[in-house]
């Protein structure tokens, strides 16, 4: 069970996978958005396999352990992230995040998330797969369809590992070096 944040006055959204607290970006004139994601552990906290048409974001792990999946340039890579690990995600990049530990908190600065500031604006999310059964969009082409299938296989294996109390296997993590993967000492 994820612990609530210590700042109850921050705006937040509750989703099927957990919560996101809004640090910045709750007004339409804000030039960037910054959130703290607090997903539940395992399948219940697995975010959808998705991409954004406009939004570019970064994931910075503050506490806990995350498993992430990135599909870019026809390659799929997964990575275990711990405090100080960073992953930059460009608009159009297929990605997914899942908590491996109960205490995961991820700082997510991004280009403006218009939905965060105005709930009448549709979210900039193209969902390709969802373990929670939410509606998904079709892949853009047959290559992406194959990529999505592989992403789903990796996701199911990662979920099973977490359910057994194990760290999921990393697939091709070296591919992310030079593609937005960094580490800083916190």
Protein backbone atom coordinates (compact mmCIF):
# COMPACT_ATOMS: atom_id res chain seq x y z
CA UNK A 1 0.00 0.00 0.00
CA UNK A 2 1.47 3.36 -0.99
CA UNK A 3 1.67 5.91 1.79
CA UNK A 4 -0.05 9.26 1.23
CA UNK A 5 2.22 12.21 0.58
CA UNK A 6 2.86 14.67 3.39
CA UNK A 7 1.33 17.61 1.49
CA UNK A 8 -2.46 17.20 1.64
CA UNK A 9 -3.06 20.62 0.05
CA UNK A 10 -1.47 19.57 -3.27
CA UNK A 11 -4.02 18.88 -6.00
CA UNK A 12 -4.09 15.19 -6.90
CA UNK A 13 -5.79 12.69 -9.15
CA UNK A 14 -6.66 9.14 -8.17
CA UNK A 15 -6.39 6.57 -10.93
CA UNK A 16 -6.94 2.83 -11.00
CA UNK A 17 -3.13 2.38 -10.72
CA UNK A 18 -2.51 4.85 -7.85
CA UNK A 19 -2.24 8.62 -7.42
CA UNK A 20 -0.48 11.57 -8.95
CA UNK A 21 0.06 14.73 -6.92
CA UNK A 22 0.39 17.94 -8.89
CA UNK A 23 3.29 20.16 -7.80
CA UNK A 24 3.04 22.51 -10.81
CA UNK A 25 0.77 22.69 -13.84
CA UNK A 26 -2.64 23.12 -12.25
CA UNK A 27 -3.21 26.40 -14.10
CA UNK A 28 -3.54 26.75 -17.90
CA UNK A 29 -0.81 29.43 -18.06
CA UNK A 30 1.84 27.22 -16.43
CA UNK A 31 4.71 26.52 -18.83
CA UNK A 32 5.48 23.06 -17.44
CA UNK A 33 3.90 20.35 -15.31
CA UNK A 34 5.47 18.53 -12.38
CA UNK A 35 3.83 15.58 -10.62
CA UNK A 36 4.69 12.94 -8.08
CA UNK A 37 3.43 9.54 -9.22
CA UNK A 38 2.65 7.00 -6.49
CA UNK A 39 1.59 3.76 -8.19
CA UNK A 40 0.43 0.69 -6.31
CA UNK A 41 2.73 -2.34 -6.38
CA UNK A 42 2.56 -4.95 -9.18
CA UNK A 43 -0.38 -5.53 -11.51
CA UNK A 44 -2.70 -3.20 -9.57
CA UNK A 45 -0.24 -0.33 -10.09
CA UNK A 46 0.89 -1.09 -13.63
CA UNK A 47 0.31 1.96 -15.81
CA UNK A 48 -1.00 1.49 -19.33
CA UNK A 49 1.33 0.89 -22.26
CA UNK A 50 1.04 4.31 -23.86
CA UNK A 51 2.53 7.20 -25.72
CA UNK A 52 1.80 10.92 -25.85
CA UNK A 53 1.30 12.98 -28.98
CA UNK A 54 2.70 16.19 -27.47
CA UNK A 55 3.90 15.55 -23.93
CA UNK A 56 7.59 14.92 -23.24
CA UNK A 57 8.35 13.77 -19.70
CA UNK A 58 11.06 12.53 -17.38
CA UNK A 59 10.78 9.94 -14.62
CA UNK A 60 13.03 10.49 -11.59
CA UNK A 61 12.75 7.83 -8.89
CA UNK A 62 12.67 9.43 -5.44
CA UNK A 63 11.90 6.37 -3.30
CA UNK A 64 11.26 2.69 -3.89
CA UNK A 65 11.88 0.50 -6.92
CA UNK A 66 10.26 0.78 -10.35
CA UNK A 67 10.19 -1.39 -13.45
CA UNK A 68 9.89 0.55 -16.68
CA UNK A 69 9.46 -0.41 -20.29
CA UNK A 70 10.45 1.80 -23.23
CA UNK A 71 9.84 0.94 -26.89
CA UNK A 72 11.71 3.22 -29.27
CA UNK A 73 13.19 2.87 -32.75
CA UNK A 74 11.77 -0.65 -33.08
CA UNK A 75 13.49 -1.85 -29.88
CA UNK A 76 11.99 -2.78 -26.51
CA UNK A 77 14.01 -2.22 -23.35
CA UNK A 78 13.10 -2.70 -19.70
CA UNK A 79 14.95 -1.33 -16.73
CA UNK A 80 14.83 -1.51 -12.94
CA UNK A 81 14.97 2.01 -11.51
CA UNK A 82 15.95 2.98 -7.97
CA UNK A 83 16.31 6.34 -6.21
CA UNK A 84 18.41 8.66 -8.37
CA UNK A 85 17.62 6.87 -11.64
CA UNK A 86 16.20 9.02 -14.44
CA UNK A 87 14.50 8.17 -17.73
CA UNK A 88 13.63 10.87 -20.25
CA UNK A 89 10.73 10.03 -22.56
CA UNK A 90 10.15 11.95 -25.79
CA UNK A 91 6.65 12.49 -27.21
CA UNK A 92 5.64 9.49 -29.33
CA UNK A 93 7.75 7.02 -27.33
CA UNK A 94 5.85 3.96 -26.09
CA UNK A 95 6.36 3.53 -22.35
CA UNK A 96 5.04 1.94 -19.17
CA UNK A 97 5.82 2.11 -15.43
CA UNK A 98 5.13 -0.35 -12.62
CA UNK A 99 5.99 -0.26 -8.91
CA UNK A 100 8.13 -3.16 -7.72
CA UNK A 101 8.02 -1.91 -4.11
CA UNK A 102 5.19 -0.48 -2.00
CA UNK A 103 6.97 2.84 -1.46
CA UNK A 104 7.57 3.95 -5.06
CA UNK A 105 7.44 7.72 -5.64
CA UNK A 106 8.42 9.08 -9.05
CA UNK A 107 8.92 12.76 -9.82
CA UNK A 108 7.56 13.49 -13.30
CA UNK A 109 8.44 16.90 -14.77
CA UNK A 110 7.01 17.36 -18.26
CA UNK A 111 5.92 19.73 -20.93
CA UNK A 112 2.47 21.12 -20.07
CA UNK A 113 -0.19 18.51 -19.32
CA UNK A 114 -3.27 20.47 -20.31
CA UNK A 115 -5.62 17.93 -18.69
CA UNK A 116 -3.92 18.50 -15.31
CA UNK A 117 -4.87 22.19 -15.52
CA UNK A 118 -8.31 21.73 -17.10
CA UNK A 119 -10.19 18.44 -16.68
CA UNK A 120 -12.44 19.29 -19.66
CA UNK A 121 -9.40 18.89 -21.94
CA UNK A 122 -8.84 15.27 -23.04
CA UNK A 123 -5.68 13.59 -21.71
CA UNK A 124 -2.77 13.38 -24.15
CA UNK A 125 -2.56 9.59 -23.83
CA UNK A 126 -2.74 7.00 -26.58
CA UNK A 127 -3.25 3.74 -24.68
CA UNK A 128 -2.06 0.57 -26.47
CA UNK A 129 -2.56 -1.98 -23.67
CA UNK A 130 -4.01 -1.86 -20.18
CA UNK A 131 -3.86 -4.61 -17.56
CA UNK A 132 -6.92 -3.01 -15.92
CA UNK A 133 -9.13 -3.50 -18.99
CA UNK A 134 -9.48 0.16 -19.94
CA UNK A 135 -10.21 0.96 -23.58
CA UNK A 136 -7.15 0.89 -25.84
CA UNK A 137 -6.28 2.26 -29.27
CA UNK A 138 -5.06 0.25 -32.23
CA UNK A 139 -1.38 0.20 -33.10
CA UNK A 140 -0.37 2.70 -35.80
CA UNK A 141 0.96 -0.04 -38.10
CA UNK A 142 1.94 -3.72 -38.22
CA UNK A 143 5.44 -3.04 -36.87
CA UNK A 144 4.00 -1.28 -33.85
CA UNK A 145 1.52 -4.13 -33.41
CA UNK A 146 4.45 -6.59 -33.12
CA UNK A 147 6.19 -4.24 -30.70
CA UNK A 148 3.06 -4.00 -28.53
CA UNK A 149 2.80 -7.80 -28.41
CA UNK A 150 6.40 -8.05 -27.17
CA UNK A 151 5.77 -5.26 -24.63
CA UNK A 152 2.76 -7.17 -23.27
CA UNK A 153 4.85 -10.37 -22.95
CA UNK A 154 7.57 -8.50 -21.04
CA UNK A 155 4.92 -6.84 -18.85
CA UNK A 156 3.23 -10.11 -17.90
CA UNK A 157 6.61 -11.66 -17.04
CA UNK A 158 7.49 -8.62 -14.91
CA UNK A 159 4.14 -8.75 -13.09
CA UNK A 160 4.63 -12.46 -12.36
CA UNK A 161 8.11 -11.77 -10.97
CA UNK A 162 6.78 -9.05 -8.65
CA UNK A 163 3.99 -11.37 -7.48
CA UNK A 164 6.68 -13.96 -6.59
CA UNK A 165 8.58 -11.28 -4.64
CA UNK A 166 11.38 -11.09 -7.22
CA UNK A 167 12.85 -8.29 -9.29
CA UNK A 168 11.73 -8.48 -12.92
CA UNK A 169 14.35 -9.34 -15.53
CA UNK A 170 15.82 -6.39 -17.42
CA UNK A 171 15.67 -6.69 -21.20
CA UNK A 172 18.14 -4.75 -23.33
CA UNK A 173 18.69 -1.96 -20.71
CA UNK A 174 21.94 -0.90 -22.39
CA UNK A 175 19.83 0.28 -25.34
CA UNK A 176 18.53 3.11 -23.14
CA UNK A 177 22.03 4.49 -22.51
CA UNK A 178 22.21 7.58 -24.70
CA UNK A 179 18.41 7.47 -25.06
CA UNK A 180 17.46 9.26 -21.87
CA UNK A 181 18.70 6.88 -19.14
CA UNK A 182 20.77 8.51 -16.39
CA UNK A 183 21.63 8.15 -12.73
CA UNK A 184 22.34 10.84 -10.14
CA UNK A 185 23.32 10.50 -6.51
CA UNK A 186 20.54 11.69 -4.22
